[in-house]
Amino acid sequence: MDIETFEAPRAGRVFRYILRDGSQLLRSRAFVNGQLVYSSDCPDPPCHEEFIVPPNAAGEMLQVMGEDSRGQTISRDFLILGENSSNSGGFSAAG
């Protein structure tokens, strides 16, 4: 299973990612500092996901998680940039 992103998450803006290579139903969840901010079930991967990052979350950690019907899981952590940050390629993903 894999999580593909195209740019860093920014406070108050839409964050998009693709959850792929899972088996059947995929559950996608996103947390900011441990609080659930997004949840979706996708019956037919790859799953194209998007949600608005909370506007007051600059400098916080975003965790994106995926789980498939076989119990495989994946998780990626991202630092949330400010809404108008000029740093377009310097985000880090670990997981």
PDB file of N, CA and C in Angstrom:
ATOM      1  N   MET A   1       0.852  -1.162   0.000  1.00  0.00           N
ATOM      2  CA  MET A   1       0.000   0.000   0.000  1.00  0.00           C
ATOM      3  C   MET A   1       0.901   1.229   0.000  1.00  0.00           C
ATOM      4  N   ASP A   2       0.405   2.324  -0.618  1.00  0.00           N
ATOM      5  CA  ASP A   2       1.208   3.527  -0.723  1.00  0.00           C
ATOM      6  C   ASP A   2       0.311   4.757  -0.630  1.00  0.00           C
ATOM      7  N   ILE A   3       0.881   5.852  -0.112  1.00  0.00           N
ATOM      8  CA  ILE A   3       0.223   7.152  -0.081  1.00  0.00           C
ATOM      9  C   ILE A   3       1.057   8.075  -0.950  1.00  0.00           C
ATOM     10  N   GLU A   4       0.430   8.640  -1.976  1.00  0.00           N
ATOM     11  CA  GLU A   4       1.117   9.558  -2.878  1.00  0.00           C
ATOM     12  C   GLU A   4       0.559  10.964  -2.665  1.00  0.00           C
ATOM     13  N   THR A   5       1.464  11.932  -2.475  1.00  0.00           N
ATOM     14  CA  THR A   5       1.058  13.325  -2.315  1.00  0.00           C
ATOM     15  C   THR A   5       1.737  14.166  -3.386  1.00  0.00           C
ATOM     16  N   PHE A   6       1.204  15.345  -3.608  1.00  0.00           N
ATOM     17  CA  PHE A   6       1.726  16.206  -4.659  1.00  0.00           C
ATOM     18  C   PHE A   6       2.319  17.500  -4.125  1.00  0.00           C
ATOM     19  N   GLU A   7       1.890  17.926  -2.976  1.00  0.00           N
ATOM     20  CA  GLU A   7       2.474  19.089  -2.330  1.00  0.00           C
ATOM     21  C   GLU A   7       2.202  19.011  -0.838  1.00  0.00           C
ATOM     22  N   ALA A   8       2.907  19.839  -0.105  1.00  0.00           N
ATOM     23  CA  ALA A   8       2.791  19.844   1.352  1.00  0.00           C
ATOM     24  C   ALA A   8       1.402  20.312   1.791  1.00  0.00           C
ATOM     25  N   PRO A   9       0.926  19.778   2.914  1.00  0.00           N
ATOM     26  CA  PRO A   9      -0.338  20.290   3.457  1.00  0.00           C
ATOM     27  C   PRO A   9      -0.150  21.719   3.962  1.00  0.00           C
ATOM     28  N   ARG A  10      -1.158  22.557   3.722  1.00  0.00           N
ATOM     29  CA  ARG A  10      -1.120  23.956   4.153  1.00  0.00           C
ATOM     30  C   ARG A  10      -2.385  24.264   4.952  1.00  0.00           C
ATOM     31  N   ALA A  11      -2.210  24.980   6.030  1.00  0.00           N
ATOM     32  CA  ALA A  11      -3.347  25.356   6.872  1.00  0.00           C
ATOM     33  C   ALA A  11      -4.384  26.097   6.040  1.00  0.00           C
ATOM     34  N   GLY A  12      -5.652  25.693   6.173  1.00  0.00           N
ATOM     35  CA  GLY A  12      -6.754  26.356   5.505  1.00  0.00           C
ATOM     36  C   GLY A  12      -6.917  26.036   4.031  1.00  0.00           C
ATOM     37  N   ARG A  13      -6.114  25.134   3.510  1.00  0.00           N
ATOM     38  CA  ARG A  13      -6.193  24.796   2.084  1.00  0.00           C
ATOM     39  C   ARG A  13      -6.514  23.313   1.892  1.00  0.00           C
ATOM     40  N   VAL A  14      -6.912  22.976   0.674  1.00  0.00           N
ATOM     41  CA  VAL A  14      -7.214  21.586   0.341  1.00  0.00           C
ATOM     42  C   VAL A  14      -5.918  20.790   0.259  1.00  0.00           C
ATOM     43  N   PHE A  15      -5.913  19.620   0.884  1.00  0.00           N
ATOM     44  CA  PHE A  15      -4.793  18.681   0.801  1.00  0.00           C
ATOM     45  C   PHE A  15      -5.298  17.459   0.045  1.00  0.00           C
ATOM     46  N   ARG A  16      -4.566  17.075  -0.999  1.00  0.00           N
ATOM     47  CA  ARG A  16      -4.953  15.935  -1.839  1.00  0.00           C
ATOM     48  C   ARG A  16      -3.905  14.832  -1.746  1.00  0.00           C
ATOM     49  N   TYR A  17      -4.391  13.603  -1.763  1.00  0.00           N
ATOM     50  CA  TYR A  17      -3.469  12.460  -1.800  1.00  0.00           C
ATOM     51  C   TYR A  17      -4.184  11.276  -2.438  1.00  0.00           C
ATOM     52  N   ILE A  18      -3.372  10.319  -2.865  1.00  0.00           N
ATOM     53  CA  ILE A  18      -3.902   9.084  -3.455  1.00  0.00           C
ATOM     54  C   ILE A  18      -3.450   7.926  -2.587  1.00  0.00           C
ATOM     55  N   LEU A  19      -4.374   7.093  -2.211  1.00  0.00           N
ATOM     56  CA  LEU A  19      -4.106   5.869  -1.459  1.00  0.00           C
ATOM     57  C   LEU A  19      -4.249   4.726  -2.457  1.00  0.00           C
ATOM     58  N   ARG A  20      -3.158   3.991  -2.687  1.00  0.00           N
ATOM     59  CA  ARG A  20      -3.187   2.965  -3.735  1.00  0.00           C
ATOM     60  C   ARG A  20      -2.566   1.655  -3.265  1.00  0.00           C
ATOM     61  N   ASP A  21      -2.778   0.649  -4.079  1.00  0.00           N
ATOM     62  CA  ASP A  21      -2.182  -0.674  -3.907  1.00  0.00           C
ATOM     63  C   ASP A  21      -2.698  -1.424  -2.684  1.00  0.00           C
ATOM     64  N   GLY A  22      -3.882  -1.089  -2.243  1.00  0.00           N
ATOM     65  CA  GLY A  22      -4.485  -1.839  -1.158  1.00  0.00           C
ATOM     66  C   GLY A  22      -5.453  -2.868  -1.709  1.00  0.00           C
ATOM     67  N   SER A  23      -5.970  -3.683  -0.824  1.00  0.00           N
ATOM     68  CA  SER A  23      -6.883  -4.748  -1.207  1.00  0.00           C
ATOM     69  C   SER A  23      -8.318  -4.349  -0.886  1.00  0.00           C
ATOM     70  N   GLN A  24      -9.163  -4.308  -1.904  1.00  0.00           N
ATOM     71  CA  GLN A  24     -10.598  -4.044  -1.758  1.00  0.00           C
ATOM     72  C   GLN A  24     -10.860  -2.756  -0.985  1.00  0.00           C
ATOM     73  N   LEU A  25     -11.727  -2.807   0.012  1.00  0.00           N
ATOM     74  CA  LEU A  25     -12.121  -1.609   0.739  1.00  0.00           C
ATOM     75  C   LEU A  25     -10.920  -0.973   1.428  1.00  0.00           C
ATOM     76  N   LEU A  26     -10.736   0.303   1.202  1.00  0.00           N
ATOM     77  CA  LEU A  26      -9.709   1.063   1.890  1.00  0.00           C
ATOM     78  C   LEU A  26     -10.363   2.096   2.790  1.00  0.00           C
ATOM     79  N   ARG A  27      -9.874   2.200   3.991  1.00  0.00           N
ATOM     80  CA  ARG A  27     -10.321   3.240   4.914  1.00  0.00           C
ATOM     81  C   ARG A  27      -9.186   4.239   5.046  1.00  0.00           C
ATOM     82  N   SER A  28      -9.503   5.487   4.811  1.00  0.00           N
ATOM     83  CA  SER A  28      -8.529   6.561   4.890  1.00  0.00           C
ATOM     84  C   SER A  28      -8.915   7.491   6.030  1.00  0.00           C
ATOM     85  N   ARG A  29      -7.925   7.868   6.837  1.00  0.00           N
ATOM     86  CA  ARG A  29      -8.181   8.791   7.933  1.00  0.00           C
ATOM     87  C   ARG A  29      -7.038   9.782   8.025  1.00  0.00           C
ATOM     88  N   ALA A  30      -7.341  10.978   8.485  1.00  0.00           N
ATOM     89  CA  ALA A  30      -6.318  11.992   8.699  1.00  0.00           C
ATOM     90  C   ALA A  30      -6.532  12.631  10.066  1.00  0.00           C
ATOM     91  N   PHE A  31      -5.422  12.875  10.740  1.00  0.00           N
ATOM     92  CA  PHE A  31      -5.438  13.437  12.087  1.00  0.00           C
ATOM     93  C   PHE A  31      -4.505  14.637  12.149  1.00  0.00           C
ATOM     94  N   VAL A  32      -4.910  15.664  12.877  1.00  0.00           N
ATOM     95  CA  VAL A  32      -4.017  16.771  13.198  1.00  0.00           C
ATOM     96  C   VAL A  32      -3.794  16.694  14.697  1.00  0.00           C
ATOM     97  N   ASN A  33      -2.537  16.459  15.077  1.00  0.00           N
ATOM     98  CA  ASN A  33      -2.175  16.283  16.485  1.00  0.00           C
ATOM     99  C   ASN A  33      -3.094  15.311  17.211  1.00  0.00           C
ATOM    100  N   GLY A  34      -3.394  14.190  16.546  1.00  0.00           N
ATOM    101  CA  GLY A  34      -4.182  13.129  17.148  1.00  0.00           C
ATOM    102  C   GLY A  34      -5.689  13.280  17.036  1.00  0.00           C
ATOM    103  N   GLN A  35      -6.181  14.428  16.555  1.00  0.00           N
ATOM    104  CA  GLN A  35      -7.621  14.627  16.409  1.00  0.00           C
ATOM    105  C   GLN A  35      -8.039  14.326  14.975  1.00  0.00           C
ATOM    106  N   LEU A  36      -9.057  13.490  14.830  1.00  0.00           N
ATOM    107  CA  LEU A  36      -9.564  13.119  13.516  1.00  0.00           C
ATOM    108  C   LEU A  36     -10.136  14.340  12.806  1.00  0.00           C
ATOM    109  N   VAL A  37      -9.636  14.600  11.573  1.00  0.00           N
ATOM    110  CA  VAL A  37     -10.143  15.712  10.772  1.00  0.00           C
ATOM    111  C   VAL A  37     -10.750  15.239   9.457  1.00  0.00           C
ATOM    112  N   TYR A  38     -10.532  13.948   9.105  1.00  0.00           N
ATOM    113  CA  TYR A  38     -11.057  13.426   7.846  1.00  0.00           C
ATOM    114  C   TYR A  38     -11.126  11.910   7.924  1.00  0.00           C
ATOM    115  N   SER A  39     -12.209  11.336   7.382  1.00  0.00           N
ATOM    116  CA  SER A  39     -12.356   9.893   7.315  1.00  0.00           C
ATOM    117  C   SER A  39     -13.173   9.548   6.071  1.00  0.00           C
ATOM    118  N   SER A  40     -12.759   8.494   5.364  1.00  0.00           N
ATOM    119  CA  SER A  40     -13.456   8.100   4.151  1.00  0.00           C
ATOM    120  C   SER A  40     -13.234   6.621   3.892  1.00  0.00           C
ATOM    121  N   ASP A  41     -14.245   5.953   3.375  1.00  0.00           N
ATOM    122  CA  ASP A  41     -14.111   4.577   2.926  1.00  0.00           C
ATOM    123  C   ASP A  41     -14.169   4.571   1.404  1.00  0.00           C
ATOM    124  N   CYS A  42     -13.299   3.789   0.799  1.00  0.00           N
ATOM    125  CA  CYS A  42     -13.208   3.729  -0.658  1.00  0.00           C
ATOM    126  C   CYS A  42     -13.258   2.259  -1.072  1.00  0.00           C
ATOM    127  N   PRO A  43     -14.293   1.832  -1.797  1.00  0.00           N
ATOM    128  CA  PRO A  43     -14.433   0.427  -2.151  1.00  0.00           C
ATOM    129  C   PRO A  43     -13.588  -0.011  -3.348  1.00  0.00           C
ATOM    130  N   ASP A  44     -13.025   0.929  -4.090  1.00  0.00           N
ATOM    131  CA  ASP A  44     -12.362   0.576  -5.335  1.00  0.00           C
ATOM    132  C   ASP A  44     -11.059   1.370  -5.532  1.00  0.00           C
ATOM    133  N   PRO A  45      -9.950   0.918  -4.926  1.00  0.00           N
ATOM    134  CA  PRO A  45      -8.682   1.639  -5.056  1.00  0.00           C
ATOM    135  C   PRO A  45      -8.215   1.727  -6.501  1.00  0.00           C
ATOM    136  N   PRO A  46      -7.448   2.742  -6.884  1.00  0.00           N
ATOM    137  CA  PRO A  46      -6.856   3.761  -6.013  1.00  0.00           C
ATOM    138  C   PRO A  46      -7.900   4.785  -5.569  1.00  0.00           C
ATOM    139  N   CYS A  47      -7.679   5.341  -4.400  1.00  0.00           N
ATOM    140  CA  CYS A  47      -8.615   6.271  -3.786  1.00  0.00           C
ATOM    141  C   CYS A  47      -8.028   7.682  -3.831  1.00  0.00           C
ATOM    142  N   HIS A  48      -8.733   8.577  -4.476  1.00  0.00           N
ATOM    143  CA  HIS A  48      -8.316   9.968  -4.594  1.00  0.00           C
ATOM    144  C   HIS A  48      -9.014  10.744  -3.484  1.00  0.00           C
ATOM    145  N   GLU A  49      -8.237  11.166  -2.505  1.00  0.00           N
ATOM    146  CA  GLU A  49      -8.793  11.784  -1.305  1.00  0.00           C
ATOM    147  C   GLU A  49      -8.436  13.263  -1.251  1.00  0.00           C
ATOM    148  N   GLU A  50      -9.317  14.057  -0.632  1.00  0.00           N
ATOM    149  CA  GLU A  50      -9.013  15.464  -0.404  1.00  0.00           C
ATOM    150  C   GLU A  50      -9.869  15.995   0.727  1.00  0.00           C
ATOM    151  N   PHE A  51      -9.310  16.916   1.467  1.00  0.00           N
ATOM    152  CA  PHE A  51     -10.015  17.573   2.562  1.00  0.00           C
ATOM    153  C   PHE A  51      -9.325  18.902   2.836  1.00  0.00           C
ATOM    154  N   ILE A  52     -10.011  19.779   3.548  1.00  0.00           N
ATOM    155  CA  ILE A  52      -9.430  21.070   3.907  1.00  0.00           C
ATOM    156  C   ILE A  52      -8.721  20.932   5.251  1.00  0.00           C
ATOM    157  N   VAL A  53      -7.455  21.298   5.262  1.00  0.00           N
ATOM    158  CA  VAL A  53      -6.665  21.282   6.492  1.00  0.00           C
ATOM    159  C   VAL A  53      -7.205  22.405   7.394  1.00  0.00           C
ATOM    160  N   PRO A  54      -7.377  22.156   8.683  1.00  0.00           N
ATOM    161  CA  PRO A  54      -7.890  23.206   9.566  1.00  0.00           C
ATOM    162  C   PRO A  54      -7.058  24.493   9.450  1.00  0.00           C
ATOM    163  N   PRO A  55      -7.715  25.653   9.436  1.00  0.00           N
ATOM    164  CA  PRO A  55      -7.015  26.908   9.197  1.00  0.00           C
ATOM    165  C   PRO A  55      -6.030  27.313  10.284  1.00  0.00           C
ATOM    166  N   ASN A  56      -6.193  26.806  11.475  1.00  0.00           N
ATOM    167  CA  ASN A  56      -5.303  27.178  12.579  1.00  0.00           C
ATOM    168  C   ASN A  56      -4.219  26.132  12.833  1.00  0.00           C
ATOM    169  N   ALA A  57      -3.916  25.285  11.851  1.00  0.00           N
ATOM    170  CA  ALA A  57      -3.028  24.135  12.070  1.00  0.00           C
ATOM    171  C   ALA A  57      -1.584  24.327  11.608  1.00  0.00           C
ATOM    172  N   ALA A  58      -1.191  25.517  11.179  1.00  0.00           N
ATOM    173  CA  ALA A  58       0.191  25.732  10.735  1.00  0.00           C
ATOM    174  C   ALA A  58       1.167  25.346  11.844  1.00  0.00           C
ATOM    175  N   GLY A  59       2.192  24.599  11.480  1.00  0.00           N
ATOM    176  CA  GLY A  59       3.199  24.148  12.436  1.00  0.00           C
ATOM    177  C   GLY A  59       2.852  22.858  13.151  1.00  0.00           C
ATOM    178  N   GLU A  60       1.641  22.367  12.969  1.00  0.00           N
ATOM    179  CA  GLU A  60       1.199  21.127  13.601  1.00  0.00           C
ATOM    180  C   GLU A  60       1.537  19.939  12.699  1.00  0.00           C
ATOM    181  N   MET A  61       1.330  18.729  13.230  1.00  0.00           N
ATOM    182  CA  MET A  61       1.593  17.511  12.462  1.00  0.00           C
ATOM    183  C   MET A  61       0.288  16.930  11.924  1.00  0.00           C
ATOM    184  N   LEU A  62       0.326  16.577  10.638  1.00  0.00           N
ATOM    185  CA  LEU A  62      -0.770  15.875   9.986  1.00  0.00           C
ATOM    186  C   LEU A  62      -0.348  14.430   9.794  1.00  0.00           C
ATOM    187  N   GLN A  63      -1.171  13.495  10.245  1.00  0.00           N
ATOM    188  CA  GLN A  63      -0.921  12.074  10.038  1.00  0.00           C
ATOM    189  C   GLN A  63      -2.022  11.535   9.131  1.00  0.00           C
ATOM    190  N   VAL A  64      -1.614  10.947   8.009  1.00  0.00           N
ATOM    191  CA  VAL A  64      -2.537  10.320   7.071  1.00  0.00           C
ATOM    192  C   VAL A  64      -2.361   8.821   7.189  1.00  0.00           C
ATOM    193  N   MET A  65      -3.467   8.100   7.369  1.00  0.00           N
ATOM    194  CA  MET A  65      -3.415   6.653   7.552  1.00  0.00           C
ATOM    195  C   MET A  65      -4.325   5.965   6.558  1.00  0.00           C
ATOM    196  N   GLY A  66      -3.922   4.780   6.134  1.00  0.00           N
ATOM    197  CA  GLY A  66      -4.751   3.946   5.288  1.00  0.00           C
ATOM    198  C   GLY A  66      -4.774   2.530   5.824  1.00  0.00           C
ATOM    199  N   GLU A  67      -5.903   1.855   5.683  1.00  0.00           N
ATOM    200  CA  GLU A  67      -6.042   0.462   6.105  1.00  0.00           C
ATOM    201  C   GLU A  67      -6.928  -0.244   5.092  1.00  0.00           C
ATOM    202  N   ASP A  68      -6.516  -1.447   4.672  1.00  0.00           N
ATOM    203  CA  ASP A  68      -7.340  -2.178   3.708  1.00  0.00           C
ATOM    204  C   ASP A  68      -8.046  -3.349   4.372  1.00  0.00           C
ATOM    205  N   SER A  69      -8.836  -4.070   3.583  1.00  0.00           N
ATOM    206  CA  SER A  69      -9.662  -5.151   4.121  1.00  0.00           C
ATOM    207  C   SER A  69      -8.847  -6.340   4.610  1.00  0.00           C
ATOM    208  N   ARG A  70      -7.581  -6.426   4.227  1.00  0.00           N
ATOM    209  CA  ARG A  70      -6.701  -7.496   4.718  1.00  0.00           C
ATOM    210  C   ARG A  70      -5.965  -7.110   5.994  1.00  0.00           C
ATOM    211  N   GLY A  71      -6.175  -5.898   6.453  1.00  0.00           N
ATOM    212  CA  GLY A  71      -5.513  -5.442   7.670  1.00  0.00           C
ATOM    213  C   GLY A  71      -4.171  -4.761   7.432  1.00  0.00           C
ATOM    214  N   GLN A  72      -3.780  -4.587   6.162  1.00  0.00           N
ATOM    215  CA  GLN A  72      -2.552  -3.847   5.870  1.00  0.00           C
ATOM    216  C   GLN A  72      -2.768  -2.385   6.240  1.00  0.00           C
ATOM    217  N   THR A  73      -1.759  -1.759   6.791  1.00  0.00           N
ATOM    218  CA  THR A  73      -1.868  -0.347   7.152  1.00  0.00           C
ATOM    219  C   THR A  73      -0.655   0.424   6.641  1.00  0.00           C
ATOM    220  N   ILE A  74      -0.851   1.715   6.482  1.00  0.00           N
ATOM    221  CA  ILE A  74       0.223   2.624   6.123  1.00  0.00           C
ATOM    222  C   ILE A  74      -0.063   3.947   6.813  1.00  0.00           C
ATOM    223  N   SER A  75       0.990   4.658   7.160  1.00  0.00           N
ATOM    224  CA  SER A  75       0.851   5.938   7.827  1.00  0.00           C
ATOM    225  C   SER A  75       1.966   6.861   7.365  1.00  0.00           C
ATOM    226  N   ARG A  76       1.646   8.124   7.140  1.00  0.00           N
ATOM    227  CA  ARG A  76       2.628   9.143   6.777  1.00  0.00           C
ATOM    228  C   ARG A  76       2.373  10.393   7.615  1.00  0.00           C
ATOM    229  N   ASP A  77       3.433  11.019   8.072  1.00  0.00           N
ATOM    230  CA  ASP A  77       3.346  12.237   8.864  1.00  0.00           C
ATOM    231  C   ASP A  77       3.898  13.412   8.060  1.00  0.00           C
ATOM    232  N   PHE A  78       3.224  14.559   8.170  1.00  0.00           N
ATOM    233  CA  PHE A  78       3.610  15.759   7.445  1.00  0.00           C
ATOM    234  C   PHE A  78       3.538  16.964   8.374  1.00  0.00           C
ATOM    235  N   LEU A  79       4.467  17.887   8.220  1.00  0.00           N
ATOM    236  CA  LEU A  79       4.397  19.158   8.908  1.00  0.00           C
ATOM    237  C   LEU A  79       3.476  20.068   8.099  1.00  0.00           C
ATOM    238  N   ILE A  80       2.502  20.682   8.749  1.00  0.00           N
ATOM    239  CA  ILE A  80       1.558  21.562   8.065  1.00  0.00           C
ATOM    240  C   ILE A  80       2.166  22.950   7.938  1.00  0.00           C
ATOM    241  N   LEU A  81       2.250  23.432   6.714  1.00  0.00           N
ATOM    242  CA  LEU A  81       2.787  24.758   6.437  1.00  0.00           C
ATOM    243  C   LEU A  81       1.707  25.814   6.623  1.00  0.00           C
ATOM    244  N   GLY A  82       2.141  27.060   6.768  1.00  0.00           N
ATOM    245  CA  GLY A  82       1.197  28.169   6.826  1.00  0.00           C
ATOM    246  C   GLY A  82       0.508  28.331   5.486  1.00  0.00           C
ATOM    247  N   GLU A  83      -0.658  28.923   5.483  1.00  0.00           N
ATOM    248  CA  GLU A  83      -1.462  29.058   4.265  1.00  0.00           C
ATOM    249  C   GLU A  83      -0.704  29.769   3.150  1.00  0.00           C
ATOM    250  N   ASN A  84       0.084  30.763   3.472  1.00  0.00           N
ATOM    251  CA  ASN A  84       0.792  31.533   2.453  1.00  0.00           C
ATOM    252  C   ASN A  84       2.283  31.245   2.415  1.00  0.00           C
ATOM    253  N   SER A  85       2.702  30.148   2.983  1.00  0.00           N
ATOM    254  CA  SER A  85       4.117  29.785   2.991  1.00  0.00           C
ATOM    255  C   SER A  85       4.636  29.643   1.570  1.00  0.00           C
ATOM    256  N   SER A  86       5.858  30.123   1.335  1.00  0.00           N
ATOM    257  CA  SER A  86       6.443  30.029  -0.011  1.00  0.00           C
ATOM    258  C   SER A  86       7.215  28.737  -0.201  1.00  0.00           C
ATOM    259  N   ASN A  87       7.288  27.900   0.795  1.00  0.00           N
ATOM    260  CA  ASN A  87       8.029  26.648   0.722  1.00  0.00           C
ATOM    261  C   ASN A  87       7.159  25.599   0.045  1.00  0.00           C
ATOM    262  N   SER A  88       7.387  25.359  -1.260  1.00  0.00           N
ATOM    263  CA  SER A  88       6.520  24.427  -1.981  1.00  0.00           C
ATOM    264  C   SER A  88       7.067  23.008  -2.042  1.00  0.00           C
ATOM    265  N   GLY A  89       8.347  22.826  -1.859  1.00  0.00           N
ATOM    266  CA  GLY A  89       8.878  21.482  -2.016  1.00  0.00           C
ATOM    267  C   GLY A  89       9.595  20.956  -0.794  1.00  0.00           C
ATOM    268  N   GLY A  90       9.593  21.697   0.287  1.00  0.00           N
ATOM    269  CA  GLY A  90      10.405  21.308   1.412  1.00  0.00           C
ATOM    270  C   GLY A  90       9.671  20.584   2.511  1.00  0.00           C
ATOM    271  N   PHE A  91       8.588  19.901   2.201  1.00  0.00           N
ATOM    272  CA  PHE A  91       7.882  19.187   3.259  1.00  0.00           C
ATOM    273  C   PHE A  91       8.519  17.834   3.466  1.00  0.00           C
ATOM    274  N   SER A  92       8.284  17.277   4.662  1.00  0.00           N
ATOM    275  CA  SER A  92       8.857  15.952   4.918  1.00  0.00           C
ATOM    276  C   SER A  92       7.730  14.977   5.181  1.00  0.00           C
ATOM    277  N   ALA A  93       7.921  13.791   4.697  1.00  0.00           N
ATOM    278  CA  ALA A  93       6.987  12.695   4.931  1.00  0.00           C
ATOM    279  C   ALA A  93       7.783  11.555   5.510  1.00  0.00           C
ATOM    280  N   ALA A  94       7.297  11.004   6.590  1.00  0.00           N
ATOM    281  CA  ALA A  94       7.988   9.876   7.211  1.00  0.00           C
ATOM    282  C   ALA A  94       6.965   8.807   7.492  1.00  0.00           C
ATOM    283  N   GLY A  95       7.412   7.574   7.459  1.00  0.00           N
ATOM    284  CA  GLY A  95       6.444   6.545   7.782  1.00  0.00           C
ATOM    285  C   GLY A  95       6.861   5.249   7.389  1.00  0.00           C
TER     286      GLY A  95
END
